Amino acid sequence: MLNQLLSELRHLISLHIQTDEGCHIEINTTKDFPYHNTLQSLTLHGTWPRGNDISEFPIYLTKIELRDSELKEDPMPKLERLQYLVTLKFFASVYFGKTMVCSAGGFPMLESLFITNWYHDKKGRFGVHMWEAMPNLEEWSIEEGAMPKLTFLRLTSCEKLKMLPDFHHVTSLQKLELYGMSKELIRRTRREDLHKIRHVPKICRCTRTGPLKTGRRYDTDEGELLDAGEGISTVEKGDEEVRAEDKADNQEVRAEEED
């Protein structure tokens, strides 16, 4: 029924599909999606049929959000072909593989990448999913020439990832958030891997697995104290994602456990 309905809606701009727990998203991406050339925003919350890899998506998509996909194959080789994709969000239980590769020339327009189990509900309230977006990820490589316009990256709770990919050629990156990551990865970003991210103006590092707690005070990168206030919020303005920011006028929080 869903496939038939989609085949009739040829002028869709935004599509959100969410399934009940244990149910698959009954959709044929190879057959149905390529014809939706007006579709710009796609949200899929549910298990991919048989846990297989991603097939094809409409070529003019600018925003994709995936959750509970349970993919076994690296989704990047297919997604990086989308020439107009600006925002890509991976939430809980998206990819169960151990390696991920972003190829040279891939994601030519991507500006914001979220690999996280943090989310905001429709009322803007902050929450944390029980399951990580990529719980088994151990190795992530980004080839030179990939993501040439990336400005924002949030990487959360990928605890098996021991070191960051090399971002030194992603000169556009302005803000990097690392929350709930392993102590080894955080340590490396301050020592032997510092050259990978030295050019990034704003970096948040944190080994805690949950969000910043309301009312607590944390050290900032400037060595000052900052109230967490009511935490982090996200709003939409047209097609652009307003980055998750603290209420203290873009000051960066660094809540870090000492080695």
Protein backbone atom coordinates (compact mmCIF):
# COMPACT_ATOMS: atom_id res chain seq x y z
CA MET A 1 0.00 0.00 0.00
CA LEU A 2 2.80 2.41 0.87
CA ASN A 3 4.61 1.77 -2.40
CA GLN A 4 1.42 2.43 -4.34
CA LEU A 5 0.75 5.64 -2.45
CA LEU A 6 4.27 6.94 -3.07
CA SER A 7 4.01 6.17 -6.75
CA GLU A 8 1.01 8.51 -6.95
CA LEU A 9 2.57 11.38 -4.99
CA ARG A 10 4.95 12.71 -7.60
CA HIS A 11 5.19 16.26 -6.19
CA LEU A 12 6.30 15.49 -2.63
CA ILE A 13 8.72 17.95 -1.04
CA SER A 14 9.06 16.34 2.41
CA LEU A 15 8.45 12.75 3.54
CA HIS A 16 8.57 11.25 7.06
CA ILE A 17 8.05 7.50 7.55
CA GLN A 18 8.08 5.94 11.02
CA THR A 19 7.30 2.30 11.78
CA ASP A 20 6.35 0.49 14.97
CA GLU A 21 9.05 -1.46 16.79
CA GLY A 22 9.83 -4.71 15.02
CA CYS A 23 8.30 -3.60 11.71
CA HIS A 24 10.21 -2.97 8.49
CA ILE A 25 9.92 0.08 6.29
CA GLU A 26 8.09 -1.43 3.34
CA ILE A 27 9.54 0.63 0.57
CA ASN A 28 11.47 -0.13 -2.58
CA THR A 29 14.08 2.61 -2.89
CA THR A 30 15.34 1.39 -6.26
CA LYS A 31 11.88 1.31 -7.85
CA ASP A 32 9.99 4.16 -6.19
CA PHE A 33 12.37 6.84 -4.98
CA PRO A 34 14.25 7.81 -8.16
CA TYR A 35 11.06 9.24 -9.66
CA HIS A 36 10.50 11.74 -6.83
CA ASN A 37 12.63 14.54 -8.19
CA THR A 38 10.82 17.18 -6.13
CA LEU A 39 11.56 15.47 -2.78
CA GLN A 40 13.99 17.56 -0.70
CA SER A 41 13.66 16.22 2.85
CA LEU A 42 13.45 12.54 3.82
CA THR A 43 13.12 11.05 7.32
CA LEU A 44 13.05 7.27 7.77
CA HIS A 45 12.62 5.86 11.29
CA GLY A 46 12.49 2.08 11.07
CA THR A 47 14.35 -1.08 10.15
CA TRP A 48 15.48 -1.40 6.57
CA PRO A 49 13.98 -4.50 4.87
CA ARG A 50 16.15 -7.51 5.72
CA GLY A 51 18.81 -5.19 7.10
CA ASN A 52 20.21 -4.74 3.60
CA ASP A 53 22.13 -1.83 2.18
CA ILE A 54 20.71 1.42 0.87
CA SER A 55 19.75 1.33 -2.81
CA GLU A 56 18.91 4.69 -4.38
CA PHE A 57 17.42 7.98 -3.21
CA PRO A 58 15.90 10.92 -5.10
CA ILE A 59 18.78 12.92 -6.53
CA TYR A 60 17.61 16.35 -5.34
CA LEU A 61 17.41 15.56 -1.63
CA THR A 62 18.95 18.23 0.59
CA LYS A 63 18.24 16.60 3.98
CA ILE A 64 18.17 12.97 5.15
CA GLU A 65 17.52 11.60 8.64
CA LEU A 66 17.82 7.88 9.44
CA ARG A 67 17.03 6.04 12.69
CA ASP A 68 16.75 2.34 13.60
CA SER A 69 17.80 1.32 10.07
CA GLU A 70 19.99 -1.56 11.33
CA LEU A 71 22.09 -1.46 8.17
CA LYS A 72 24.83 -4.05 7.76
CA GLU A 73 26.51 -2.40 4.76
CA ASP A 74 28.30 0.95 4.82
CA PRO A 75 25.66 3.54 3.79
CA MET A 76 28.19 6.16 2.69
CA PRO A 77 28.97 4.89 -0.85
CA LYS A 78 25.33 5.43 -1.88
CA LEU A 79 24.61 8.56 0.14
CA GLU A 80 27.76 10.40 -0.94
CA ARG A 81 26.47 10.38 -4.53
CA LEU A 82 23.69 12.81 -3.66
CA GLN A 83 24.98 16.01 -5.21
CA TYR A 84 22.64 18.39 -3.35
CA LEU A 85 22.64 16.85 0.14
CA VAL A 86 23.28 19.54 2.77
CA THR A 87 22.29 17.86 6.05
CA LEU A 88 22.73 14.20 7.00
CA LYS A 89 21.59 12.79 10.35
CA PHE A 90 22.22 9.31 11.70
CA PHE A 91 20.46 8.58 14.99
CA ALA A 92 20.02 5.36 16.99
CA SER A 93 20.89 1.93 15.51
CA VAL A 94 21.54 3.06 11.94
CA TYR A 95 24.67 1.11 10.99
CA PHE A 96 26.09 -2.01 12.66
CA GLY A 97 29.28 -2.41 10.59
CA LYS A 98 32.84 -1.85 11.79
CA THR A 99 34.22 0.32 8.98
CA MET A 100 33.02 3.39 7.08
CA VAL A 101 34.56 5.18 4.11
CA CYS A 102 33.83 8.59 2.59
CA SER A 103 35.36 8.66 -0.90
CA ALA A 104 37.10 11.48 -2.75
CA GLY A 105 34.52 13.71 -4.40
CA GLY A 106 31.70 12.41 -2.22
CA PHE A 107 29.17 14.66 -0.46
CA PRO A 108 30.06 17.76 -2.53
CA MET A 109 27.44 19.99 -0.84
CA LEU A 110 27.23 18.46 2.65
CA GLU A 111 27.47 21.06 5.42
CA SER A 112 26.18 19.30 8.55
CA LEU A 113 26.75 15.70 9.65
CA PHE A 114 25.24 14.17 12.79
CA ILE A 115 26.24 10.70 14.01
CA THR A 116 24.56 10.73 17.38
CA ASN A 117 22.02 9.30 19.78
CA TRP A 118 21.01 12.79 20.96
CA TYR A 119 17.73 14.18 19.66
CA HIS A 120 15.07 16.85 20.10
CA ASP A 121 11.35 16.13 20.12
CA LYS A 122 8.73 18.25 18.36
CA LYS A 123 8.59 20.59 21.35
CA GLY A 124 12.35 21.11 21.30
CA ARG A 125 12.99 19.03 24.40
CA PHE A 126 16.33 17.29 24.61
CA GLY A 127 16.75 13.51 24.96
CA VAL A 128 19.16 10.60 24.49
CA HIS A 129 18.35 7.36 22.67
CA MET A 130 19.28 4.14 24.46
CA TRP A 131 21.17 2.81 21.41
CA GLU A 132 24.12 4.41 19.65
CA ALA A 133 23.90 5.37 15.99
CA MET A 134 26.92 3.23 15.06
CA PRO A 135 27.73 1.02 18.06
CA ASN A 136 30.30 -1.18 16.28
CA LEU A 137 32.19 1.46 14.30
CA GLU A 138 35.94 0.98 14.75
CA GLU A 139 37.43 2.66 11.68
CA TRP A 140 36.28 5.69 9.70
CA SER A 141 38.29 7.08 6.80
CA ILE A 142 37.69 10.27 4.84
CA GLU A 143 39.58 10.51 1.58
CA GLU A 144 41.00 13.80 0.39
CA GLY A 145 38.38 15.66 -1.63
CA ALA A 146 35.41 14.31 0.32
CA MET A 147 33.00 16.69 2.08
CA PRO A 148 34.62 19.91 0.79
CA LYS A 149 31.89 22.11 2.34
CA LEU A 150 31.41 20.40 5.71
CA THR A 151 31.14 23.02 8.47
CA PHE A 152 29.61 21.09 11.39
CA LEU A 153 30.10 17.56 12.75
CA ARG A 154 28.57 16.03 15.87
CA LEU A 155 29.93 12.60 16.80
CA THR A 156 28.36 10.97 19.86
CA SER A 157 28.85 7.69 21.74
CA CYS A 158 30.86 5.81 19.11
CA GLU A 159 32.85 4.25 21.92
CA LYS A 160 34.64 1.65 19.78
CA LEU A 161 36.09 4.32 17.49
CA LYS A 162 39.62 4.86 18.81
CA MET A 163 40.75 7.66 16.53
CA LEU A 164 39.25 10.27 14.25
CA PRO A 165 39.57 10.23 10.47
CA ASP A 166 41.92 12.82 9.02
CA PHE A 167 40.08 16.13 8.74
CA HIS A 168 43.09 18.30 7.88
CA HIS A 169 41.98 18.55 4.23
CA VAL A 170 38.38 19.41 5.26
CA THR A 171 39.34 23.05 5.64
CA SER A 172 35.71 24.22 5.75
CA LEU A 173 35.04 22.53 9.12
CA GLN A 174 34.15 25.19 11.70
CA LYS A 175 32.76 23.21 14.62
CA LEU A 176 33.46 19.69 15.88
CA GLU A 177 31.53 18.11 18.76
CA LEU A 178 32.79 14.89 20.35
CA TYR A 179 30.51 13.66 23.15
CA GLY A 180 30.54 10.31 24.94
CA MET A 181 33.60 9.16 23.01
CA SER A 182 36.31 6.87 24.33
CA LYS A 183 39.07 8.26 26.52
CA GLU A 184 41.59 6.97 23.97
CA LEU A 185 40.03 8.98 21.14
CA ILE A 186 39.84 12.14 23.25
CA ARG A 187 43.45 11.67 24.35
CA ARG A 188 44.62 11.26 20.75
CA THR A 189 42.86 14.47 19.65
CA ARG A 190 45.09 16.36 22.11
CA ARG A 191 48.31 14.60 21.17
CA GLU A 192 49.24 12.50 18.12
CA ASP A 193 46.02 13.26 16.19
CA LEU A 194 45.94 16.98 16.94
CA HIS A 195 47.17 17.77 13.42
CA LYS A 196 43.93 16.29 12.02
CA ILE A 197 41.75 18.95 13.65
CA ARG A 198 44.13 21.79 14.52
CA HIS A 199 42.48 24.06 11.94
CA VAL A 200 38.95 23.72 13.41
CA PRO A 201 38.02 26.95 15.28
CA LYS A 202 35.56 25.36 17.74
CA ILE A 203 36.01 21.93 19.29
CA CYS A 204 33.98 20.36 22.11
CA ARG A 205 35.45 17.25 23.71
CA CYS A 206 33.63 15.19 26.32
CA THR A 207 33.89 11.59 27.52
CA ARG A 208 30.57 11.65 29.39
CA THR A 209 27.83 9.59 27.74
CA GLY A 210 24.84 11.79 28.59
CA PRO A 211 23.90 15.39 27.82
CA LEU A 212 25.12 18.32 29.87
CA LYS A 213 23.08 18.56 33.04
CA THR A 214 20.96 21.61 33.77
CA GLY A 215 22.40 23.79 36.50
CA ARG A 216 25.93 22.36 36.36
CA ARG A 217 28.93 24.49 35.46
CA TYR A 218 31.63 23.38 33.05
CA ASP A 219 35.01 24.65 31.93
CA THR A 220 34.96 26.29 28.52
CA ASP A 221 37.76 26.33 25.97
CA GLU A 222 38.53 29.87 27.14
CA GLY A 223 39.13 28.66 30.70
CA GLU A 224 35.98 30.30 32.04
CA LEU A 225 32.97 28.75 33.80
CA LEU A 226 29.70 28.41 31.96
CA ASP A 227 26.25 27.50 33.26
CA ALA A 228 24.63 24.66 31.30
CA GLY A 229 21.29 26.44 31.74
CA GLU A 230 18.49 24.54 30.03
CA GLY A 231 20.85 22.64 27.77
CA ILE A 232 21.00 22.54 24.01
CA SER A 233 18.19 23.26 21.59
CA THR A 234 17.69 23.09 17.84
CA VAL A 235 15.31 25.14 15.67
CA GLU A 236 14.57 25.15 11.97
CA LYS A 237 14.76 28.19 9.68
CA GLY A 238 13.65 27.22 6.23
CA ASP A 239 15.91 24.49 4.85
CA GLU A 240 18.86 25.44 7.03
CA GLU A 241 19.69 23.65 10.26
CA VAL A 242 20.56 26.05 13.07
CA ARG A 243 23.38 24.36 14.92
CA ALA A 244 22.86 23.07 18.42
CA GLU A 245 24.22 25.84 20.61
CA ASP A 246 24.45 26.62 24.30
CA LYS A 247 22.51 29.63 25.56
CA ALA A 248 25.71 31.54 26.39
CA ASP A 249 26.13 33.03 22.92
CA ASN A 250 28.08 30.26 21.23
CA GLN A 251 30.59 29.70 24.01
CA GLU A 252 31.97 26.17 23.82
CA VAL A 253 31.54 23.70 26.64
CA ARG A 254 34.37 21.36 27.46
CA ALA A 255 33.27 18.91 30.15
CA GLU A 256 36.20 16.56 30.20
CA GLU A 257 37.39 13.87 32.57
CA GLU A 258 41.05 14.08 33.47
CA ASP A 259 43.27 11.25 32.32
